[in-house]
C-alpha atoms as a PDB file:
ATOM      1  CA  UNK A   1       0.000   0.000   0.000  1.00  0.00           C
ATOM      2  CA  UNK A   2       1.162   3.510  -0.754  1.00  0.00           C
ATOM      3  CA  UNK A   3       2.426   5.741   2.005  1.00  0.00           C
ATOM      4  CA  UNK A   4      -0.378   7.752   3.535  1.00  0.00           C
ATOM      5  CA  UNK A   5       0.869  11.119   2.282  1.00  0.00           C
ATOM      6  CA  UNK A   6       1.233   9.711  -1.231  1.00  0.00           C
ATOM      7  CA  UNK A   7      -2.228   8.188  -1.509  1.00  0.00           C
ATOM      8  CA  UNK A   8      -4.258   9.494  -4.392  1.00  0.00           C
ATOM      9  CA  UNK A   9      -7.915  10.434  -4.569  1.00  0.00           C
ATOM     10  CA  UNK A  10      -8.445   7.417  -6.828  1.00  0.00           C
ATOM     11  CA  UNK A  11      -7.581   5.218  -3.830  1.00  0.00           C
ATOM     12  CA  UNK A  12     -10.024   6.785  -1.384  1.00  0.00           C
ATOM     13  CA  UNK A  13     -12.824   8.355  -3.436  1.00  0.00           C
ATOM     14  CA  UNK A  14     -16.366   7.054  -3.511  1.00  0.00           C
ATOM     15  CA  UNK A  15     -16.884   5.868  -7.072  1.00  0.00           C
ATOM     16  CA  UNK A  16     -20.618   5.157  -7.023  1.00  0.00           C
ATOM     17  CA  UNK A  17     -21.990   8.706  -6.954  1.00  0.00           C
ATOM     18  CA  UNK A  18     -25.579   9.859  -7.328  1.00  0.00           C
ATOM     19  CA  UNK A  19     -25.993  12.687  -9.833  1.00  0.00           C
ATOM     20  CA  UNK A  20     -28.755  14.995 -10.991  1.00  0.00           C
ATOM     21  CA  UNK A  21     -29.213  17.132 -14.084  1.00  0.00           C
ATOM     22  CA  UNK A  22     -30.751  20.514 -14.777  1.00  0.00           C
ATOM     23  CA  UNK A  23     -33.933  18.629 -15.707  1.00  0.00           C
ATOM     24  CA  UNK A  24     -34.394  17.584 -12.056  1.00  0.00           C
ATOM     25  CA  UNK A  25     -36.224  19.786  -9.595  1.00  0.00           C
ATOM     26  CA  UNK A  26     -35.387  20.453  -5.942  1.00  0.00           C
ATOM     27  CA  UNK A  27     -37.917  17.891  -4.687  1.00  0.00           C
ATOM     28  CA  UNK A  28     -36.327  15.168  -6.853  1.00  0.00           C
ATOM     29  CA  UNK A  29     -32.872  16.140  -5.605  1.00  0.00           C
ATOM     30  CA  UNK A  30     -34.047  15.984  -1.968  1.00  0.00           C
ATOM     31  CA  UNK A  31     -35.544  12.525  -2.552  1.00  0.00           C
ATOM     32  CA  UNK A  32     -32.299  11.326  -4.126  1.00  0.00           C
ATOM     33  CA  UNK A  33     -30.350  12.696  -1.142  1.00  0.00           C
ATOM     34  CA  UNK A  34     -32.663  10.779   1.187  1.00  0.00           C
ATOM     35  CA  UNK A  35     -32.446   7.574  -0.848  1.00  0.00           C
ATOM     36  CA  UNK A  36     -28.647   7.704  -1.164  1.00  0.00           C
ATOM     37  CA  UNK A  37     -28.152   9.061   2.381  1.00  0.00           C
ATOM     38  CA  UNK A  38     -25.967  11.923   1.148  1.00  0.00           C
ATOM     39  CA  UNK A  39     -25.859  15.683   1.674  1.00  0.00           C
ATOM     40  CA  UNK A  40     -24.362  16.653  -1.684  1.00  0.00           C
ATOM     41  CA  UNK A  41     -25.056  15.588  -5.236  1.00  0.00           C
ATOM     42  CA  UNK A  42     -23.068  16.676  -8.291  1.00  0.00           C
ATOM     43  CA  UNK A  43     -25.061  18.266 -11.106  1.00  0.00           C
ATOM     44  CA  UNK A  44     -23.992  16.962 -14.510  1.00  0.00           C
ATOM     45  CA  UNK A  45     -24.885  17.809 -18.088  1.00  0.00           C
ATOM     46  CA  UNK A  46     -25.846  15.320 -20.792  1.00  0.00           C
ATOM     47  CA  UNK A  47     -22.138  14.501 -21.334  1.00  0.00           C
ATOM     48  CA  UNK A  48     -21.635  13.734 -17.603  1.00  0.00           C
ATOM     49  CA  UNK A  49     -19.523  16.875 -17.198  1.00  0.00           C
ATOM     50  CA  UNK A  50     -19.863  18.375 -13.723  1.00  0.00           C
ATOM     51  CA  UNK A  51     -21.523  21.786 -13.940  1.00  0.00           C
ATOM     52  CA  UNK A  52     -22.274  22.284 -10.255  1.00  0.00           C
ATOM     53  CA  UNK A  53     -23.263  20.655  -7.005  1.00  0.00           C
ATOM     54  CA  UNK A  54     -26.362  20.861  -4.876  1.00  0.00           C
ATOM     55  CA  UNK A  55     -26.145  20.420  -1.125  1.00  0.00           C
ATOM     56  CA  UNK A  56     -28.755  19.963   1.551  1.00  0.00           C
ATOM     57  CA  UNK A  57     -27.723  23.428   2.734  1.00  0.00           C
ATOM     58  CA  UNK A  58     -28.345  24.867  -0.760  1.00  0.00           C
ATOM     59  CA  UNK A  59     -31.873  23.471  -0.643  1.00  0.00           C
ATOM     60  CA  UNK A  60     -32.517  25.062   2.750  1.00  0.00           C
ATOM     61  CA  UNK A  61     -30.799  28.446   2.221  1.00  0.00           C
ATOM     62  CA  UNK A  62     -31.484  29.112  -1.475  1.00  0.00           C
ATOM     63  CA  UNK A  63     -34.646  27.051  -1.712  1.00  0.00           C
ATOM     64  CA  UNK A  64     -36.862  26.908   1.363  1.00  0.00           C
ATOM     65  CA  UNK A  65     -35.641  30.121   3.020  1.00  0.00           C
ATOM     66  CA  UNK A  66     -36.320  31.962  -0.253  1.00  0.00           C
ATOM     67  CA  UNK A  67     -39.836  30.408  -0.376  1.00  0.00           C
ATOM     68  CA  UNK A  68     -39.118  28.313  -3.467  1.00  0.00           C
ATOM     69  CA  UNK A  69     -41.319  25.259  -3.974  1.00  0.00           C
ATOM     70  CA  UNK A  70     -40.144  21.693  -4.507  1.00  0.00           C
ATOM     71  CA  UNK A  71     -40.812  22.115  -8.213  1.00  0.00           C
ATOM     72  CA  UNK A  72     -38.069  24.762  -8.408  1.00  0.00           C
ATOM     73  CA  UNK A  73     -35.372  23.995 -10.967  1.00  0.00           C
ATOM     74  CA  UNK A  74     -32.102  22.592  -9.652  1.00  0.00           C
ATOM     75  CA  UNK A  75     -30.251  25.446 -11.356  1.00  0.00           C
ATOM     76  CA  UNK A  76     -31.921  28.019  -9.070  1.00  0.00           C
ATOM     77  CA  UNK A  77     -30.442  26.578  -5.859  1.00  0.00           C
ATOM     78  CA  UNK A  78     -27.303  24.718  -6.960  1.00  0.00           C
ATOM     79  CA  UNK A  79     -23.761  25.942  -6.397  1.00  0.00           C
ATOM     80  CA  UNK A  80     -22.224  26.745  -9.785  1.00  0.00           C
ATOM     81  CA  UNK A  81     -18.783  27.987  -8.742  1.00  0.00           C
ATOM     82  CA  UNK A  82     -17.227  24.657  -7.793  1.00  0.00           C
ATOM     83  CA  UNK A  83     -13.774  23.245  -7.195  1.00  0.00           C
ATOM     84  CA  UNK A  84     -12.892  19.887  -8.740  1.00  0.00           C
ATOM     85  CA  UNK A  85     -10.262  17.279  -7.969  1.00  0.00           C
ATOM     86  CA  UNK A  86      -8.383  14.856 -10.221  1.00  0.00           C
ATOM     87  CA  UNK A  87      -7.974  11.113  -9.483  1.00  0.00           C
ATOM     88  CA  UNK A  88      -4.165  11.393  -9.487  1.00  0.00           C
ATOM     89  CA  UNK A  89      -4.142  14.236  -6.971  1.00  0.00           C
ATOM     90  CA  UNK A  90      -2.670  13.293  -3.601  1.00  0.00           C
ATOM     91  CA  UNK A  91      -4.826  13.345  -0.495  1.00  0.00           C
ATOM     92  CA  UNK A  92      -2.618  16.116   0.890  1.00  0.00           C
ATOM     93  CA  UNK A  93      -3.122  18.240  -2.244  1.00  0.00           C
ATOM     94  CA  UNK A  94      -6.875  17.718  -2.085  1.00  0.00           C
ATOM     95  CA  UNK A  95      -6.990  18.524   1.635  1.00  0.00           C
ATOM     96  CA  UNK A  96      -5.162  21.815   1.022  1.00  0.00           C
ATOM     97  CA  UNK A  97      -7.571  22.780  -1.773  1.00  0.00           C
ATOM     98  CA  UNK A  98     -10.573  21.845   0.354  1.00  0.00           C
ATOM     99  CA  UNK A  99      -9.253  23.883   3.284  1.00  0.00           C
ATOM    100  CA  UNK A 100      -8.458  26.859   1.056  1.00  0.00           C
ATOM    101  CA  UNK A 101     -11.976  26.871  -0.406  1.00  0.00           C
ATOM    102  CA  UNK A 102     -13.662  25.803   2.857  1.00  0.00           C
ATOM    103  CA  UNK A 103     -15.419  22.838   1.313  1.00  0.00           C
ATOM    104  CA  UNK A 104     -16.037  19.422   2.815  1.00  0.00           C
ATOM    105  CA  UNK A 105     -16.649  17.494  -0.400  1.00  0.00           C
ATOM    106  CA  UNK A 106     -14.694  17.452  -3.636  1.00  0.00           C
ATOM    107  CA  UNK A 107     -16.088  16.005  -6.888  1.00  0.00           C
ATOM    108  CA  UNK A 108     -13.367  14.108  -8.752  1.00  0.00           C
ATOM    109  CA  UNK A 109     -13.240  14.360 -12.536  1.00  0.00           C
ATOM    110  CA  UNK A 110     -11.131  12.766 -15.232  1.00  0.00           C
ATOM    111  CA  UNK A 111     -11.200  14.277 -18.724  1.00  0.00           C
ATOM    112  CA  UNK A 112     -14.066  16.448 -17.500  1.00  0.00           C
ATOM    113  CA  UNK A 113     -16.213  13.437 -16.530  1.00  0.00           C
ATOM    114  CA  UNK A 114     -17.292  12.688 -12.977  1.00  0.00           C
ATOM    115  CA  UNK A 115     -15.501   9.600 -11.648  1.00  0.00           C
ATOM    116  CA  UNK A 116     -16.027   9.986  -7.903  1.00  0.00           C
ATOM    117  CA  UNK A 117     -16.297  12.231  -4.884  1.00  0.00           C
ATOM    118  CA  UNK A 118     -14.155  12.658  -1.782  1.00  0.00           C
ATOM    119  CA  UNK A 119     -15.273  13.986   1.581  1.00  0.00           C
ATOM    120  CA  UNK A 120     -13.117  15.215   4.440  1.00  0.00           C
ATOM    121  CA  UNK A 121     -14.525  12.287   6.421  1.00  0.00           C
ATOM    122  CA  UNK A 122     -13.182   9.843   3.783  1.00  0.00           C
ATOM    123  CA  UNK A 123      -9.696  11.187   4.363  1.00  0.00           C
ATOM    124  CA  UNK A 124      -9.979  10.941   8.145  1.00  0.00           C
ATOM    125  CA  UNK A 125     -11.607   7.499   8.245  1.00  0.00           C
ATOM    126  CA  UNK A 126      -9.221   5.938   5.781  1.00  0.00           C
ATOM    127  CA  UNK A 127      -6.296   7.484   7.667  1.00  0.00           C
ATOM    128  CA  UNK A 128      -7.478   5.870  10.922  1.00  0.00           C
ATOM    129  CA  UNK A 129      -7.917   2.470   9.251  1.00  0.00           C
ATOM    130  CA  UNK A 130      -4.498   2.773   7.610  1.00  0.00           C
ATOM    131  CA  UNK A 131      -2.908   3.660  10.952  1.00  0.00           C
ATOM    132  CA  UNK A 132      -4.671   0.755  12.678  1.00  0.00           C
ATOM    133  CA  UNK A 133      -3.629  -1.632   9.920  1.00  0.00           C
ATOM    134  CA  UNK A 134      -0.042  -0.360  10.067  1.00  0.00           C
ATOM    135  CA  UNK A 135       0.040  -0.760  13.856  1.00  0.00           C
ATOM    136  CA  UNK A 136      -1.388  -4.271  13.621  1.00  0.00           C
ATOM    137  CA  UNK A 137       1.085  -5.245  10.914  1.00  0.00           C
ATOM    138  CA  UNK A 138       3.960  -3.846  12.952  1.00  0.00           C
ATOM    139  CA  UNK A 139       2.868  -5.840  16.024  1.00  0.00           C
ATOM    140  CA  UNK A 140       2.433  -9.003  13.968  1.00  0.00           C
ATOM    141  CA  UNK A 141       5.843  -8.524  12.329  1.00  0.00           C
ATOM    142  CA  UNK A 142       7.761  -7.984  15.572  1.00  0.00           C
ATOM    143  CA  UNK A 143       9.723 -11.029  16.698  1.00  0.00           C
ATOM    144  CA  UNK A 144       8.230 -12.861  19.657  1.00  0.00           C
ATOM    145  CA  UNK A 145       9.880 -12.066  22.996  1.00  0.00           C
ATOM    146  CA  UNK A 146      10.805 -15.087  25.114  1.00  0.00           C
END
């Protein structure tokens, strides 16, 4: 396994990602969030290019708080100015970008197409498991003391 600081987003990203299009309305997005148990969904065009994201917070702040109905177009509430990651990017590089832009989730694209998504929690959880696995391997590999 690669060293922790050299891991790439390809190694830790979630590859099975729910998406919506501009044809979907806010109600449909909310249902998809419920069904997939997620708080963010990338918005893609007909070519699967990422053109935005919509978060549960977007729905509340730009949707409900502005008195928009569930039939409101996704485009009205989605975040259009987004930051994207690349599969070959290291976890450290992605973490710096996410911190700089104050985002918790980073869609990952390759040749403009969505291939996954990474959350801050993915980085933390996988780090803990890696550390635990490394510790266990180290203990297993140590010679027995008599």
